[in-house]
Each structure stands twice: as structure tokens, then as C-alpha cells.
N, C-alpha and C. Protein backbone atom coordinates (compact mmCIF):
# COMPACT_ATOMS: atom_id res chain seq x y z
N MET A 1 -12.84 -6.50 3.26
CA MET A 1 -12.58 -7.26 2.07
C MET A 1 -11.21 -6.86 1.54
N ALA A 2 -10.43 -7.81 1.12
CA ALA A 2 -9.08 -7.56 0.62
C ALA A 2 -9.09 -7.35 -0.89
N GLY A 3 -8.30 -6.39 -1.34
CA GLY A 3 -8.09 -6.14 -2.76
C GLY A 3 -6.60 -6.18 -3.06
N TYR A 4 -6.27 -6.52 -4.27
CA TYR A 4 -4.87 -6.71 -4.64
C TYR A 4 -4.51 -5.84 -5.85
N PRO A 5 -3.94 -4.65 -5.62
CA PRO A 5 -3.61 -3.77 -6.74
C PRO A 5 -2.70 -4.41 -7.78
N GLU A 6 -1.86 -5.34 -7.36
CA GLU A 6 -0.96 -6.00 -8.30
C GLU A 6 -1.44 -7.41 -8.64
N GLY A 7 -2.65 -7.71 -8.23
CA GLY A 7 -3.23 -9.03 -8.47
C GLY A 7 -2.93 -9.98 -7.31
N HIS A 8 -3.89 -10.84 -7.03
CA HIS A 8 -3.70 -11.85 -5.99
C HIS A 8 -2.58 -12.78 -6.43
N PRO A 9 -1.67 -13.13 -5.51
CA PRO A 9 -0.53 -13.96 -5.92
C PRO A 9 -0.91 -15.34 -6.46
N GLN A 10 -2.11 -15.82 -6.15
CA GLN A 10 -2.53 -17.13 -6.64
C GLN A 10 -3.46 -17.04 -7.85
N CYS A 11 -3.71 -15.83 -8.31
CA CYS A 11 -4.57 -15.64 -9.48
C CYS A 11 -3.75 -14.97 -10.57
N LEU A 12 -3.51 -15.68 -11.64
CA LEU A 12 -2.63 -15.18 -12.70
C LEU A 12 -3.36 -14.32 -13.72
N ASN A 13 -4.66 -14.13 -13.54
CA ASN A 13 -5.45 -13.38 -14.49
C ASN A 13 -6.09 -12.19 -13.77
N LEU A 14 -5.64 -10.97 -14.07
CA LEU A 14 -6.15 -9.79 -13.37
C LEU A 14 -7.63 -9.55 -13.62
N THR A 15 -8.12 -9.92 -14.79
CA THR A 15 -9.55 -9.77 -15.07
C THR A 15 -10.36 -10.69 -14.17
N ARG A 16 -9.92 -11.92 -14.04
CA ARG A 16 -10.61 -12.87 -13.17
C ARG A 16 -10.52 -12.43 -11.70
N ASP A 17 -9.38 -11.90 -11.32
CA ASP A 17 -9.19 -11.38 -9.96
C ASP A 17 -10.22 -10.29 -9.67
N MET A 18 -10.41 -9.38 -10.61
CA MET A 18 -11.39 -8.30 -10.43
C MET A 18 -12.81 -8.85 -10.40
N GLU A 19 -13.09 -9.87 -11.19
CA GLU A 19 -14.41 -10.50 -11.16
C GLU A 19 -14.70 -11.10 -9.79
N HIS A 20 -13.70 -11.74 -9.20
CA HIS A 20 -13.86 -12.29 -7.84
C HIS A 20 -14.15 -11.17 -6.85
N LEU A 21 -13.43 -10.07 -6.96
CA LEU A 21 -13.64 -8.95 -6.05
C LEU A 21 -15.04 -8.37 -6.21
N LYS A 22 -15.48 -8.23 -7.43
CA LYS A 22 -16.83 -7.70 -7.69
C LYS A 22 -17.88 -8.62 -7.09
N ARG A 23 -17.69 -9.91 -7.21
CA ARG A 23 -18.64 -10.86 -6.64
C ARG A 23 -18.70 -10.71 -5.11
N LYS A 24 -17.56 -10.51 -4.49
CA LYS A 24 -17.53 -10.33 -3.03
C LYS A 24 -18.27 -9.06 -2.63
N VAL A 25 -18.08 -8.00 -3.38
CA VAL A 25 -18.80 -6.75 -3.09
C VAL A 25 -20.29 -6.94 -3.32
N ASP A 26 -20.65 -7.61 -4.39
CA ASP A 26 -22.07 -7.88 -4.67
C ASP A 26 -22.71 -8.71 -3.57
N ASN A 27 -21.89 -9.48 -2.85
CA ASN A 27 -22.40 -10.31 -1.76
C ASN A 27 -22.31 -9.63 -0.40
N GLY A 28 -22.01 -8.33 -0.37
CA GLY A 28 -22.12 -7.60 0.88
C GLY A 28 -20.90 -6.87 1.39
N ALA A 29 -19.74 -7.01 0.80
CA ALA A 29 -18.58 -6.25 1.28
C ALA A 29 -18.86 -4.76 1.10
N ASP A 30 -18.62 -3.98 2.14
CA ASP A 30 -18.94 -2.56 2.02
C ASP A 30 -17.71 -1.65 1.97
N PHE A 31 -16.52 -2.24 1.96
CA PHE A 31 -15.30 -1.50 1.67
C PHE A 31 -14.21 -2.51 1.35
N ILE A 32 -13.14 -2.01 0.73
CA ILE A 32 -12.02 -2.86 0.34
C ILE A 32 -10.74 -2.24 0.87
N VAL A 33 -9.94 -3.03 1.57
CA VAL A 33 -8.60 -2.62 2.01
C VAL A 33 -7.62 -3.37 1.11
N THR A 34 -6.70 -2.63 0.50
CA THR A 34 -5.78 -3.29 -0.41
C THR A 34 -4.62 -3.93 0.32
N GLN A 35 -4.03 -4.90 -0.37
CA GLN A 35 -2.75 -5.45 0.03
C GLN A 35 -1.74 -4.31 -0.05
N LEU A 36 -0.64 -4.43 0.67
CA LEU A 36 0.37 -3.39 0.61
C LEU A 36 0.91 -3.24 -0.82
N PHE A 37 1.28 -2.03 -1.16
CA PHE A 37 1.89 -1.74 -2.46
C PHE A 37 2.81 -0.55 -2.27
N PHE A 38 3.75 -0.40 -3.18
CA PHE A 38 4.72 0.69 -3.09
C PHE A 38 4.71 1.60 -4.31
N ASP A 39 3.96 1.24 -5.32
CA ASP A 39 3.85 2.07 -6.51
C ASP A 39 2.40 2.52 -6.63
N ASN A 40 2.17 3.80 -6.42
CA ASN A 40 0.79 4.30 -6.46
C ASN A 40 0.12 4.08 -7.80
N ALA A 41 0.89 3.99 -8.87
CA ALA A 41 0.30 3.72 -10.19
C ALA A 41 -0.46 2.40 -10.17
N ASP A 42 0.03 1.43 -9.42
CA ASP A 42 -0.68 0.15 -9.30
C ASP A 42 -2.03 0.35 -8.62
N PHE A 43 -2.06 1.18 -7.58
CA PHE A 43 -3.33 1.46 -6.90
C PHE A 43 -4.29 2.20 -7.83
N TYR A 44 -3.80 3.21 -8.52
CA TYR A 44 -4.69 3.99 -9.41
C TYR A 44 -5.25 3.12 -10.52
N ARG A 45 -4.44 2.23 -11.07
CA ARG A 45 -4.90 1.30 -12.10
C ARG A 45 -5.97 0.36 -11.52
N PHE A 46 -5.71 -0.16 -10.32
CA PHE A 46 -6.66 -1.03 -9.62
C PHE A 46 -7.97 -0.29 -9.38
N ARG A 47 -7.87 0.97 -8.91
CA ARG A 47 -9.07 1.77 -8.64
C ARG A 47 -9.87 1.98 -9.92
N ASP A 48 -9.19 2.32 -10.99
CA ASP A 48 -9.89 2.55 -12.26
C ASP A 48 -10.57 1.26 -12.74
N GLN A 49 -9.89 0.14 -12.62
CA GLN A 49 -10.47 -1.14 -13.04
C GLN A 49 -11.66 -1.52 -12.16
N ALA A 50 -11.54 -1.26 -10.87
CA ALA A 50 -12.64 -1.56 -9.95
C ALA A 50 -13.87 -0.72 -10.28
N ARG A 51 -13.65 0.55 -10.51
CA ARG A 51 -14.78 1.43 -10.85
C ARG A 51 -15.40 1.00 -12.19
N ALA A 52 -14.57 0.64 -13.15
CA ALA A 52 -15.07 0.18 -14.45
C ALA A 52 -15.86 -1.12 -14.32
N ALA A 53 -15.51 -1.92 -13.32
CA ALA A 53 -16.22 -3.19 -13.08
C ALA A 53 -17.51 -2.98 -12.28
N GLY A 54 -17.78 -1.73 -11.90
CA GLY A 54 -19.00 -1.44 -11.15
C GLY A 54 -18.84 -1.51 -9.65
N ILE A 55 -17.61 -1.58 -9.17
CA ILE A 55 -17.35 -1.60 -7.73
C ILE A 55 -17.36 -0.16 -7.23
N LYS A 56 -18.31 0.15 -6.36
CA LYS A 56 -18.48 1.52 -5.92
C LYS A 56 -18.14 1.73 -4.44
N VAL A 57 -17.80 0.67 -3.73
CA VAL A 57 -17.48 0.80 -2.30
C VAL A 57 -16.14 1.51 -2.14
N PRO A 58 -15.89 2.10 -0.96
CA PRO A 58 -14.60 2.76 -0.74
C PRO A 58 -13.43 1.80 -0.88
N LEU A 59 -12.36 2.31 -1.49
CA LEU A 59 -11.11 1.57 -1.65
C LEU A 59 -10.08 2.21 -0.74
N VAL A 60 -9.63 1.45 0.25
CA VAL A 60 -8.68 1.93 1.25
C VAL A 60 -7.30 1.37 0.88
N ALA A 61 -6.33 2.27 0.75
CA ALA A 61 -4.98 1.89 0.33
C ALA A 61 -4.20 1.29 1.49
N GLY A 62 -3.59 0.15 1.28
CA GLY A 62 -2.77 -0.51 2.29
C GLY A 62 -1.31 -0.10 2.16
N ILE A 63 -0.80 0.56 3.19
CA ILE A 63 0.56 1.09 3.17
C ILE A 63 1.37 0.46 4.30
N MET A 64 2.57 0.02 3.96
CA MET A 64 3.48 -0.51 4.99
C MET A 64 4.77 0.31 4.97
N PRO A 65 4.99 1.08 6.02
CA PRO A 65 6.27 1.79 6.11
C PRO A 65 7.42 0.78 6.21
N ILE A 66 8.45 1.00 5.42
CA ILE A 66 9.59 0.08 5.41
C ILE A 66 10.53 0.44 6.54
N GLY A 67 10.83 -0.54 7.37
CA GLY A 67 11.76 -0.32 8.47
C GLY A 67 12.96 -1.25 8.42
N ASN A 68 12.86 -2.30 7.60
CA ASN A 68 13.90 -3.31 7.55
C ASN A 68 13.92 -3.90 6.14
N VAL A 69 15.05 -3.87 5.50
CA VAL A 69 15.14 -4.31 4.11
C VAL A 69 14.84 -5.81 3.97
N GLY A 70 15.47 -6.64 4.77
CA GLY A 70 15.23 -8.07 4.68
C GLY A 70 13.78 -8.43 4.93
N GLN A 71 13.19 -7.80 5.92
CA GLN A 71 11.79 -8.08 6.26
C GLN A 71 10.85 -7.71 5.12
N ILE A 72 11.06 -6.54 4.52
CA ILE A 72 10.14 -6.13 3.46
C ILE A 72 10.32 -6.99 2.22
N LYS A 73 11.53 -7.44 1.95
CA LYS A 73 11.73 -8.36 0.83
C LYS A 73 10.96 -9.66 1.05
N ARG A 74 10.96 -10.17 2.28
CA ARG A 74 10.20 -11.39 2.58
C ARG A 74 8.71 -11.15 2.41
N PHE A 75 8.22 -10.00 2.90
CA PHE A 75 6.79 -9.70 2.80
C PHE A 75 6.34 -9.63 1.34
N VAL A 76 7.07 -8.89 0.53
CA VAL A 76 6.62 -8.75 -0.86
C VAL A 76 6.69 -10.08 -1.60
N SER A 77 7.64 -10.93 -1.25
CA SER A 77 7.71 -12.24 -1.91
C SER A 77 6.50 -13.10 -1.54
N MET A 78 5.96 -12.92 -0.34
CA MET A 78 4.80 -13.71 0.09
C MET A 78 3.49 -13.18 -0.46
N CYS A 79 3.38 -11.86 -0.61
CA CYS A 79 2.08 -11.29 -0.96
C CYS A 79 1.97 -10.89 -2.42
N GLY A 80 3.03 -11.04 -3.19
CA GLY A 80 2.95 -10.74 -4.61
C GLY A 80 3.13 -9.28 -4.97
N SER A 81 3.51 -8.46 -4.01
CA SER A 81 3.78 -7.05 -4.31
C SER A 81 5.20 -6.91 -4.83
N LYS A 82 5.49 -5.72 -5.32
CA LYS A 82 6.85 -5.46 -5.79
C LYS A 82 7.33 -4.13 -5.22
N ILE A 83 8.63 -4.02 -5.10
CA ILE A 83 9.25 -2.77 -4.67
C ILE A 83 9.83 -2.12 -5.91
N PRO A 84 9.44 -0.88 -6.22
CA PRO A 84 10.01 -0.22 -7.40
C PRO A 84 11.55 -0.22 -7.33
N HIS A 85 12.18 -0.46 -8.47
CA HIS A 85 13.63 -0.61 -8.51
C HIS A 85 14.38 0.57 -7.88
N PRO A 86 14.01 1.82 -8.16
CA PRO A 86 14.75 2.93 -7.52
C PRO A 86 14.67 2.89 -5.99
N LEU A 87 13.50 2.52 -5.45
CA LEU A 87 13.36 2.42 -4.00
C LEU A 87 14.20 1.27 -3.47
N LEU A 88 14.15 0.14 -4.13
CA LEU A 88 14.92 -1.02 -3.69
C LEU A 88 16.41 -0.72 -3.71
N THR A 89 16.88 -0.08 -4.76
CA THR A 89 18.30 0.29 -4.87
C THR A 89 18.69 1.21 -3.72
N LYS A 90 17.84 2.18 -3.43
CA LYS A 90 18.13 3.11 -2.32
C LYS A 90 18.19 2.36 -1.00
N LEU A 91 17.21 1.52 -0.75
CA LEU A 91 17.17 0.78 0.51
C LEU A 91 18.38 -0.14 0.66
N GLU A 92 18.73 -0.82 -0.41
CA GLU A 92 19.88 -1.72 -0.35
C GLU A 92 21.18 -0.95 -0.10
N SER A 93 21.27 0.28 -0.61
CA SER A 93 22.47 1.08 -0.37
C SER A 93 22.57 1.53 1.09
N LEU A 94 21.44 1.55 1.77
CA LEU A 94 21.39 1.98 3.17
C LEU A 94 21.34 0.82 4.16
N GLU A 95 21.26 -0.39 3.66
CA GLU A 95 20.97 -1.57 4.48
C GLU A 95 21.88 -1.72 5.70
N ALA A 96 23.12 -1.28 5.61
CA ALA A 96 24.05 -1.40 6.74
C ALA A 96 23.74 -0.40 7.86
N ASP A 97 22.87 0.55 7.58
CA ASP A 97 22.53 1.59 8.56
C ASP A 97 21.02 1.55 8.83
N PRO A 98 20.59 0.76 9.82
CA PRO A 98 19.15 0.59 10.08
C PRO A 98 18.39 1.91 10.30
N GLU A 99 19.02 2.89 10.91
CA GLU A 99 18.33 4.17 11.13
C GLU A 99 18.06 4.89 9.81
N SER A 100 19.00 4.78 8.87
CA SER A 100 18.80 5.40 7.56
C SER A 100 17.72 4.67 6.77
N VAL A 101 17.69 3.35 6.88
CA VAL A 101 16.63 2.57 6.22
C VAL A 101 15.27 3.00 6.78
N TYR A 102 15.18 3.10 8.09
CA TYR A 102 13.94 3.51 8.74
C TYR A 102 13.51 4.89 8.25
N ALA A 103 14.44 5.85 8.25
CA ALA A 103 14.13 7.22 7.83
C ALA A 103 13.68 7.24 6.37
N ALA A 104 14.36 6.49 5.52
CA ALA A 104 13.98 6.43 4.11
C ALA A 104 12.60 5.80 3.94
N GLY A 105 12.32 4.78 4.74
CA GLY A 105 11.01 4.13 4.68
C GLY A 105 9.88 5.06 5.11
N VAL A 106 10.11 5.82 6.17
CA VAL A 106 9.10 6.78 6.63
C VAL A 106 8.89 7.86 5.58
N ASP A 107 9.99 8.36 5.02
CA ASP A 107 9.88 9.41 4.01
C ASP A 107 9.12 8.90 2.78
N TYR A 108 9.46 7.71 2.31
CA TYR A 108 8.80 7.17 1.13
C TYR A 108 7.30 6.99 1.39
N ALA A 109 6.95 6.40 2.52
CA ALA A 109 5.54 6.17 2.83
C ALA A 109 4.80 7.50 2.99
N THR A 110 5.45 8.50 3.57
CA THR A 110 4.82 9.82 3.73
C THR A 110 4.51 10.42 2.36
N GLN A 111 5.48 10.37 1.46
CA GLN A 111 5.26 10.91 0.11
C GLN A 111 4.19 10.11 -0.63
N GLN A 112 4.21 8.81 -0.43
CA GLN A 112 3.21 7.95 -1.06
C GLN A 112 1.81 8.33 -0.57
N CYS A 113 1.65 8.52 0.73
CA CYS A 113 0.35 8.88 1.30
C CYS A 113 -0.11 10.26 0.84
N LYS A 114 0.82 11.22 0.79
CA LYS A 114 0.46 12.55 0.30
C LYS A 114 -0.10 12.47 -1.11
N ASP A 115 0.56 11.70 -1.96
CA ASP A 115 0.10 11.56 -3.34
C ASP A 115 -1.27 10.87 -3.39
N LEU A 116 -1.45 9.82 -2.61
CA LEU A 116 -2.73 9.11 -2.59
C LEU A 116 -3.86 10.05 -2.17
N LEU A 117 -3.65 10.78 -1.09
CA LEU A 117 -4.69 11.68 -0.59
C LEU A 117 -4.98 12.81 -1.58
N ALA A 118 -3.93 13.32 -2.24
CA ALA A 118 -4.11 14.39 -3.22
C ALA A 118 -4.87 13.89 -4.45
N ASN A 119 -4.87 12.58 -4.67
CA ASN A 119 -5.53 12.01 -5.83
C ASN A 119 -6.80 11.24 -5.48
N GLY A 120 -7.45 11.65 -4.38
CA GLY A 120 -8.78 11.15 -4.07
C GLY A 120 -8.87 9.80 -3.42
N CYS A 121 -7.78 9.29 -2.86
CA CYS A 121 -7.85 8.01 -2.16
C CYS A 121 -8.83 8.15 -0.99
N GLU A 122 -9.67 7.16 -0.83
CA GLU A 122 -10.75 7.24 0.16
C GLU A 122 -10.34 6.86 1.57
N GLY A 123 -9.13 6.41 1.74
CA GLY A 123 -8.64 6.07 3.07
C GLY A 123 -7.31 5.36 2.97
N ILE A 124 -6.59 5.34 4.09
CA ILE A 124 -5.31 4.66 4.16
C ILE A 124 -5.30 3.76 5.37
N HIS A 125 -4.89 2.53 5.15
CA HIS A 125 -4.71 1.56 6.23
C HIS A 125 -3.21 1.30 6.34
N PHE A 126 -2.67 1.43 7.54
CA PHE A 126 -1.24 1.18 7.74
C PHE A 126 -1.03 -0.21 8.29
N TYR A 127 -0.17 -0.95 7.63
CA TYR A 127 0.30 -2.23 8.14
C TYR A 127 1.49 -1.92 9.04
N THR A 128 1.31 -2.06 10.34
CA THR A 128 2.34 -1.62 11.29
C THR A 128 3.18 -2.76 11.86
N LEU A 129 2.70 -3.98 11.79
CA LEU A 129 3.38 -5.13 12.39
C LEU A 129 3.68 -4.88 13.87
N ASN A 130 2.72 -4.28 14.53
CA ASN A 130 2.82 -3.96 15.96
C ASN A 130 3.95 -2.98 16.29
N ARG A 131 4.36 -2.22 15.29
CA ARG A 131 5.36 -1.18 15.48
C ARG A 131 4.81 0.10 14.87
N SER A 132 4.18 0.89 15.70
CA SER A 132 3.43 2.03 15.18
C SER A 132 4.22 3.33 15.11
N LYS A 133 5.46 3.36 15.57
CA LYS A 133 6.23 4.60 15.59
C LYS A 133 6.29 5.26 14.20
N ALA A 134 6.60 4.49 13.18
CA ALA A 134 6.68 5.05 11.82
C ALA A 134 5.33 5.60 11.38
N THR A 135 4.26 4.88 11.68
CA THR A 135 2.93 5.34 11.29
C THR A 135 2.59 6.65 11.99
N VAL A 136 2.92 6.77 13.25
CA VAL A 136 2.67 8.02 13.98
C VAL A 136 3.42 9.16 13.30
N GLN A 137 4.67 8.94 12.94
CA GLN A 137 5.45 9.98 12.25
C GLN A 137 4.81 10.37 10.92
N ILE A 138 4.35 9.39 10.19
CA ILE A 138 3.73 9.67 8.89
C ILE A 138 2.45 10.47 9.07
N VAL A 139 1.61 10.07 9.98
CA VAL A 139 0.34 10.77 10.21
C VAL A 139 0.61 12.21 10.66
N LYS A 140 1.58 12.41 11.51
CA LYS A 140 1.93 13.78 11.92
C LYS A 140 2.41 14.60 10.73
N ALA A 141 3.18 14.00 9.85
CA ALA A 141 3.66 14.71 8.67
C ALA A 141 2.53 15.05 7.71
N LEU A 142 1.51 14.19 7.67
CA LEU A 142 0.36 14.43 6.80
C LEU A 142 -0.57 15.50 7.35
N ASN A 143 -0.57 15.66 8.66
CA ASN A 143 -1.46 16.63 9.30
C ASN A 143 -0.69 17.39 10.38
N PRO A 144 0.20 18.29 9.96
CA PRO A 144 1.11 18.95 10.92
C PRO A 144 0.40 19.78 11.99
N LYS A 145 -0.81 20.25 11.74
CA LYS A 145 -1.48 21.07 12.77
C LYS A 145 -1.90 20.23 13.97
N HIS A 146 -1.92 18.90 13.82
CA HIS A 146 -2.24 18.02 14.94
C HIS A 146 -1.03 17.25 15.43
N ALA A 147 0.15 17.72 15.10
CA ALA A 147 1.38 17.00 15.42
C ALA A 147 1.82 17.17 16.87
N ALA A 148 1.25 18.07 17.57
CA ALA A 148 1.68 18.31 18.96
C ALA A 148 1.27 17.21 19.89
């Protein structure tokens, strides 16, 4: 089941959006994977609202490592997510150097995942777009004893 920490792009009312999600869970969804997001505060707010609405199933955070500035801008415009201004500014300053964009994207996603796990996130789903190298790097950074 899909959840939208920043609200579904076609639903302008976050309360109604949560009501729809609750109805789906009541009808049998046994976990929720969120749309990608880049600000963990959005996830924590979504989690708190879901719990307050009586949604008790696991909430799995959807994370997309940024590897390309143009591509991520297109994705967020389609799915209703936003890129925090400091991150966007950093990425745009690196845009001419794809390797630096990739490294910054991996670093940001790694820090994001560390924070989510430290704050009780029940799982992480990586949106890889069939390019798993960044995800492998992130997972190794999150669990260095299994990095070999």
C-alpha cells in the first residue's frame, strides 16, 4: 500500500488523504511503503498522523538516492515531493560534475537513513530505478560489519 508523507499529488486535503489510507488499511493492507521524500520531518509528521488515525501497520520509508539533478527534479514534480532548499542548492552547484552529484546523493540518503533508523522507522524501501550501486553503498555504510 502506498503512503504519501507530503500528501498525494491529486489530493489537496491531507486529512482526507489520511482517511483514504486508513480505509485501505482497514480493508486489508498490512504495511505501507511511502512515496519518496527527502525531508525526514515529513515522514515523522506522516507517521504521527497515521498512528493518531489508528493506522498500526508498519510504515516503510521510501528513499531514492539522488544520482542526477535533472532526473530527480522531474521525479519530484510528478510525485508531489519536494527537495529541501539547502539540498537543492548543493546539488545545483555540483550539477556540472556528475560524480560529485552522485557522491552527494549517496551521502544525503545515507544520513537520511541513519536518522530514520535511529528514530524507530520500521523499514526502508529504496527506489533504485534499476541502478542499485548507490543503494549498495548506502546499505554498507549503514551496516559496516557486513560491508565486506
